[in-house]
Amino acid sequence: MTKKRTLLKENEKGSANSQTVDNHRKNLMQKFEVNKTVNLLQKAKEFGILQ
């Protein structure tokens, strides 16, 4: 199972704590070279991750 799916499953169960989510978002922001969450969401849309 991919990390993304694993995190989504954890989130559905309510077991992903806020620190885990914050760290994951921080890592994604570094990978996509953005400094704001809104820019991360825009990149996700560009890559077809979000609709």
N, C-alpha and C. Protein backbone atom coordinates (compact mmCIF):
# COMPACT_ATOMS: atom_id res chain seq x y z
N MET A 1 0.85 -1.17 0.00
CA MET A 1 0.00 0.00 0.00
C MET A 1 0.90 1.24 0.00
N THR A 2 0.54 2.25 -0.76
CA THR A 2 1.36 3.46 -0.84
C THR A 2 1.23 4.28 0.43
N LYS A 3 2.20 5.17 0.65
CA LYS A 3 2.15 6.04 1.82
C LYS A 3 0.88 6.89 1.82
N LYS A 4 0.53 7.38 0.63
CA LYS A 4 -0.65 8.23 0.52
C LYS A 4 -1.89 7.46 0.97
N ARG A 5 -2.05 6.26 0.46
CA ARG A 5 -3.21 5.46 0.83
C ARG A 5 -3.19 5.10 2.32
N THR A 6 -2.00 4.82 2.84
CA THR A 6 -1.87 4.49 4.25
C THR A 6 -2.31 5.67 5.11
N LEU A 7 -1.84 6.87 4.77
CA LEU A 7 -2.23 8.05 5.53
C LEU A 7 -3.72 8.31 5.42
N LEU A 8 -4.27 8.09 4.23
CA LEU A 8 -5.70 8.30 4.07
C LEU A 8 -6.49 7.31 4.93
N LYS A 9 -6.05 6.06 4.96
CA LYS A 9 -6.72 5.06 5.79
C LYS A 9 -6.62 5.43 7.26
N GLU A 10 -5.45 5.88 7.71
CA GLU A 10 -5.28 6.29 9.10
C GLU A 10 -6.19 7.46 9.41
N ASN A 11 -6.29 8.40 8.48
CA ASN A 11 -7.11 9.57 8.70
C ASN A 11 -8.59 9.19 8.78
N GLU A 12 -9.02 8.24 7.95
CA GLU A 12 -10.40 7.78 8.00
C GLU A 12 -10.74 7.18 9.36
N LYS A 13 -9.78 6.48 9.93
CA LYS A 13 -9.98 5.87 11.24
C LYS A 13 -9.85 6.91 12.36
N GLY A 14 -9.29 8.05 12.04
CA GLY A 14 -9.08 9.08 13.04
C GLY A 14 -7.83 8.84 13.87
N SER A 15 -6.94 7.96 13.40
CA SER A 15 -5.77 7.61 14.19
C SER A 15 -4.51 8.40 13.79
N ALA A 16 -4.57 9.17 12.73
CA ALA A 16 -3.42 9.98 12.33
C ALA A 16 -3.41 11.24 13.19
N ASN A 17 -2.37 11.41 13.98
CA ASN A 17 -2.37 12.59 14.84
C ASN A 17 -1.94 13.82 14.04
N SER A 18 -2.17 14.99 14.61
CA SER A 18 -1.91 16.23 13.89
C SER A 18 -0.43 16.40 13.56
N GLN A 19 0.45 15.89 14.41
CA GLN A 19 1.88 16.01 14.14
C GLN A 19 2.27 15.20 12.90
N THR A 20 1.68 14.03 12.73
CA THR A 20 1.94 13.20 11.55
C THR A 20 1.50 13.94 10.29
N VAL A 21 0.33 14.52 10.33
CA VAL A 21 -0.20 15.25 9.18
C VAL A 21 0.67 16.47 8.89
N ASP A 22 1.06 17.21 9.93
CA ASP A 22 1.91 18.38 9.74
C ASP A 22 3.25 18.01 9.14
N ASN A 23 3.85 16.93 9.61
CA ASN A 23 5.15 16.49 9.07
C ASN A 23 5.02 16.06 7.62
N HIS A 24 3.95 15.37 7.30
CA HIS A 24 3.73 14.91 5.92
C HIS A 24 3.56 16.12 5.00
N ARG A 25 2.75 17.09 5.44
CA ARG A 25 2.53 18.30 4.64
C ARG A 25 3.86 19.05 4.45
N LYS A 26 4.66 19.17 5.51
CA LYS A 26 5.95 19.86 5.44
C LYS A 26 6.86 19.18 4.42
N ASN A 27 6.92 17.85 4.45
CA ASN A 27 7.75 17.11 3.50
C ASN A 27 7.28 17.31 2.07
N LEU A 28 5.97 17.28 1.86
CA LEU A 28 5.44 17.50 0.51
C LEU A 28 5.73 18.92 0.02
N MET A 29 5.63 19.90 0.92
CA MET A 29 5.92 21.28 0.54
C MET A 29 7.38 21.43 0.12
N GLN A 30 8.28 20.74 0.80
CA GLN A 30 9.70 20.77 0.41
C GLN A 30 9.89 20.12 -0.96
N LYS A 31 9.26 18.98 -1.18
CA LYS A 31 9.41 18.27 -2.45
C LYS A 31 8.87 19.08 -3.63
N PHE A 32 7.75 19.78 -3.40
CA PHE A 32 7.14 20.57 -4.47
C PHE A 32 7.67 22.01 -4.52
N GLU A 33 8.60 22.32 -3.60
CA GLU A 33 9.23 23.63 -3.55
C GLU A 33 8.21 24.77 -3.44
N VAL A 34 7.30 24.62 -2.49
CA VAL A 34 6.32 25.66 -2.20
C VAL A 34 6.42 26.01 -0.72
N ASN A 35 5.92 27.20 -0.36
CA ASN A 35 6.01 27.61 1.04
C ASN A 35 4.66 27.89 1.70
N LYS A 36 3.60 27.65 0.98
CA LYS A 36 2.25 27.82 1.52
C LYS A 36 1.39 26.62 1.16
N THR A 37 0.49 26.27 2.06
CA THR A 37 -0.39 25.13 1.83
C THR A 37 -1.23 25.33 0.57
N VAL A 38 -1.68 26.54 0.34
CA VAL A 38 -2.51 26.80 -0.83
C VAL A 38 -1.73 26.48 -2.12
N ASN A 39 -0.43 26.79 -2.13
CA ASN A 39 0.39 26.47 -3.30
C ASN A 39 0.58 24.97 -3.45
N LEU A 40 0.68 24.26 -2.33
CA LEU A 40 0.77 22.81 -2.36
C LEU A 40 -0.50 22.21 -2.98
N LEU A 41 -1.64 22.74 -2.60
CA LEU A 41 -2.90 22.27 -3.16
C LEU A 41 -2.98 22.55 -4.65
N GLN A 42 -2.49 23.71 -5.08
CA GLN A 42 -2.47 24.03 -6.51
C GLN A 42 -1.58 23.05 -7.28
N LYS A 43 -0.43 22.72 -6.72
CA LYS A 43 0.46 21.74 -7.36
C LYS A 43 -0.22 20.38 -7.45
N ALA A 44 -0.91 19.99 -6.39
CA ALA A 44 -1.61 18.71 -6.38
C ALA A 44 -2.66 18.67 -7.49
N LYS A 45 -3.34 19.79 -7.71
CA LYS A 45 -4.32 19.84 -8.80
C LYS A 45 -3.63 19.73 -10.15
N GLU A 46 -2.50 20.40 -10.30
CA GLU A 46 -1.75 20.34 -11.57
C GLU A 46 -1.31 18.92 -11.90
N PHE A 47 -0.95 18.16 -10.88
CA PHE A 47 -0.49 16.79 -11.08
C PHE A 47 -1.63 15.78 -11.08
N GLY A 48 -2.86 16.25 -10.94
CA GLY A 48 -4.01 15.36 -10.98
C GLY A 48 -4.25 14.58 -9.70
N ILE A 49 -3.58 14.98 -8.62
CA ILE A 49 -3.78 14.32 -7.33
C ILE A 49 -5.12 14.72 -6.73
N LEU A 50 -5.49 15.97 -6.93
CA LEU A 50 -6.80 16.49 -6.50
C LEU A 50 -7.58 16.92 -7.72
N GLN A 51 -8.87 16.89 -7.57
CA GLN A 51 -9.73 17.32 -8.69
C GLN A 51 -10.40 18.64 -8.36
